[in-house]
Amino acid sequence: VSENPSVFEEYRQGKERALNFLVGAVMKKTKGRADAGKVKEMLKGMADVPH
């Protein structure tokens, strides 16, 4: 999220494709070791927190 704040903000505004981009970025950064489902849920939780 810190590396792609504008994309995260797009997701917060309702653009689902932005969420998929962020999950992909995490998967790339972790070389595929992260659980994509858990990453997605974590990002959704972060989006629910007021900024």
C-alpha atoms as a PDB file:
ATOM      1  CA  VAL A   1       0.000   0.000   0.000  1.00  0.00           C
ATOM      2  CA  SER A   2       2.806   2.407   0.849  1.00  0.00           C
ATOM      3  CA  GLU A   3       4.369   1.760  -2.561  1.00  0.00           C
ATOM      4  CA  ASN A   4       1.077   2.320  -4.427  1.00  0.00           C
ATOM      5  CA  PRO A   5      -0.987   4.822  -2.414  1.00  0.00           C
ATOM      6  CA  SER A   6      -2.855   6.166  -5.450  1.00  0.00           C
ATOM      7  CA  VAL A   7      -3.942   2.661  -6.475  1.00  0.00           C
ATOM      8  CA  PHE A   8      -5.108   1.939  -2.926  1.00  0.00           C
ATOM      9  CA  GLU A   9      -7.141   5.159  -2.984  1.00  0.00           C
ATOM     10  CA  GLU A  10      -8.720   4.059  -6.278  1.00  0.00           C
ATOM     11  CA  TYR A  11      -9.788   0.829  -4.580  1.00  0.00           C
ATOM     12  CA  ARG A  12     -11.260   2.797  -1.680  1.00  0.00           C
ATOM     13  CA  GLN A  13     -13.298   4.700  -4.266  1.00  0.00           C
ATOM     14  CA  GLY A  14     -14.784   1.445  -5.550  1.00  0.00           C
ATOM     15  CA  LYS A  15     -12.479   0.293  -8.335  1.00  0.00           C
ATOM     16  CA  GLU A  16     -12.178  -3.481  -7.843  1.00  0.00           C
ATOM     17  CA  ARG A  17      -9.428  -3.766 -10.466  1.00  0.00           C
ATOM     18  CA  ALA A  18      -7.199  -1.712  -8.194  1.00  0.00           C
ATOM     19  CA  LEU A  19      -7.532  -4.381  -5.489  1.00  0.00           C
ATOM     20  CA  ASN A  20      -6.398  -7.057  -7.926  1.00  0.00           C
ATOM     21  CA  PHE A  21      -3.410  -4.903  -8.893  1.00  0.00           C
ATOM     22  CA  LEU A  22      -2.427  -4.520  -5.238  1.00  0.00           C
ATOM     23  CA  VAL A  23      -2.756  -8.264  -4.584  1.00  0.00           C
ATOM     24  CA  GLY A  24      -0.563  -8.889  -7.624  1.00  0.00           C
ATOM     25  CA  ALA A  25       2.016  -6.415  -6.351  1.00  0.00           C
ATOM     26  CA  VAL A  26       2.172  -8.214  -2.996  1.00  0.00           C
ATOM     27  CA  MET A  27       2.488 -11.581  -4.722  1.00  0.00           C
ATOM     28  CA  LYS A  28       5.343 -10.231  -6.858  1.00  0.00           C
ATOM     29  CA  LYS A  29       7.081  -8.700  -3.836  1.00  0.00           C
ATOM     30  CA  THR A  30       6.815 -11.974  -1.870  1.00  0.00           C
ATOM     31  CA  LYS A  31       7.721 -14.080  -4.923  1.00  0.00           C
ATOM     32  CA  GLY A  32       4.388 -15.888  -4.703  1.00  0.00           C
ATOM     33  CA  ARG A  33       4.743 -16.943  -1.074  1.00  0.00           C
ATOM     34  CA  ALA A  34       1.851 -14.845   0.233  1.00  0.00           C
ATOM     35  CA  ASP A  35      -1.662 -16.288   0.413  1.00  0.00           C
ATOM     36  CA  ALA A  36      -3.581 -14.214  -2.150  1.00  0.00           C
ATOM     37  CA  GLY A  37      -6.889 -14.704  -0.323  1.00  0.00           C
ATOM     38  CA  LYS A  38      -5.457 -13.471   2.958  1.00  0.00           C
ATOM     39  CA  VAL A  39      -3.771 -10.528   1.235  1.00  0.00           C
ATOM     40  CA  LYS A  40      -7.077  -9.557  -0.361  1.00  0.00           C
ATOM     41  CA  GLU A  41      -8.930  -9.740   2.965  1.00  0.00           C
ATOM     42  CA  MET A  42      -6.216  -7.712   4.694  1.00  0.00           C
ATOM     43  CA  LEU A  43      -6.376  -5.002   2.028  1.00  0.00           C
ATOM     44  CA  LYS A  44     -10.165  -4.904   2.281  1.00  0.00           C
ATOM     45  CA  GLY A  45      -9.846  -4.458   6.042  1.00  0.00           C
ATOM     46  CA  MET A  46      -7.340  -1.656   5.582  1.00  0.00           C
ATOM     47  CA  ALA A  47      -9.711   0.090   3.172  1.00  0.00           C
ATOM     48  CA  ASP A  48     -12.461   0.081   5.810  1.00  0.00           C
ATOM     49  CA  VAL A  49     -10.322   2.078   8.239  1.00  0.00           C
ATOM     50  CA  PRO A  50     -10.985   5.828   7.967  1.00  0.00           C
ATOM     51  CA  HIS A  51      -8.033   7.757   6.542  1.00  0.00           C
END
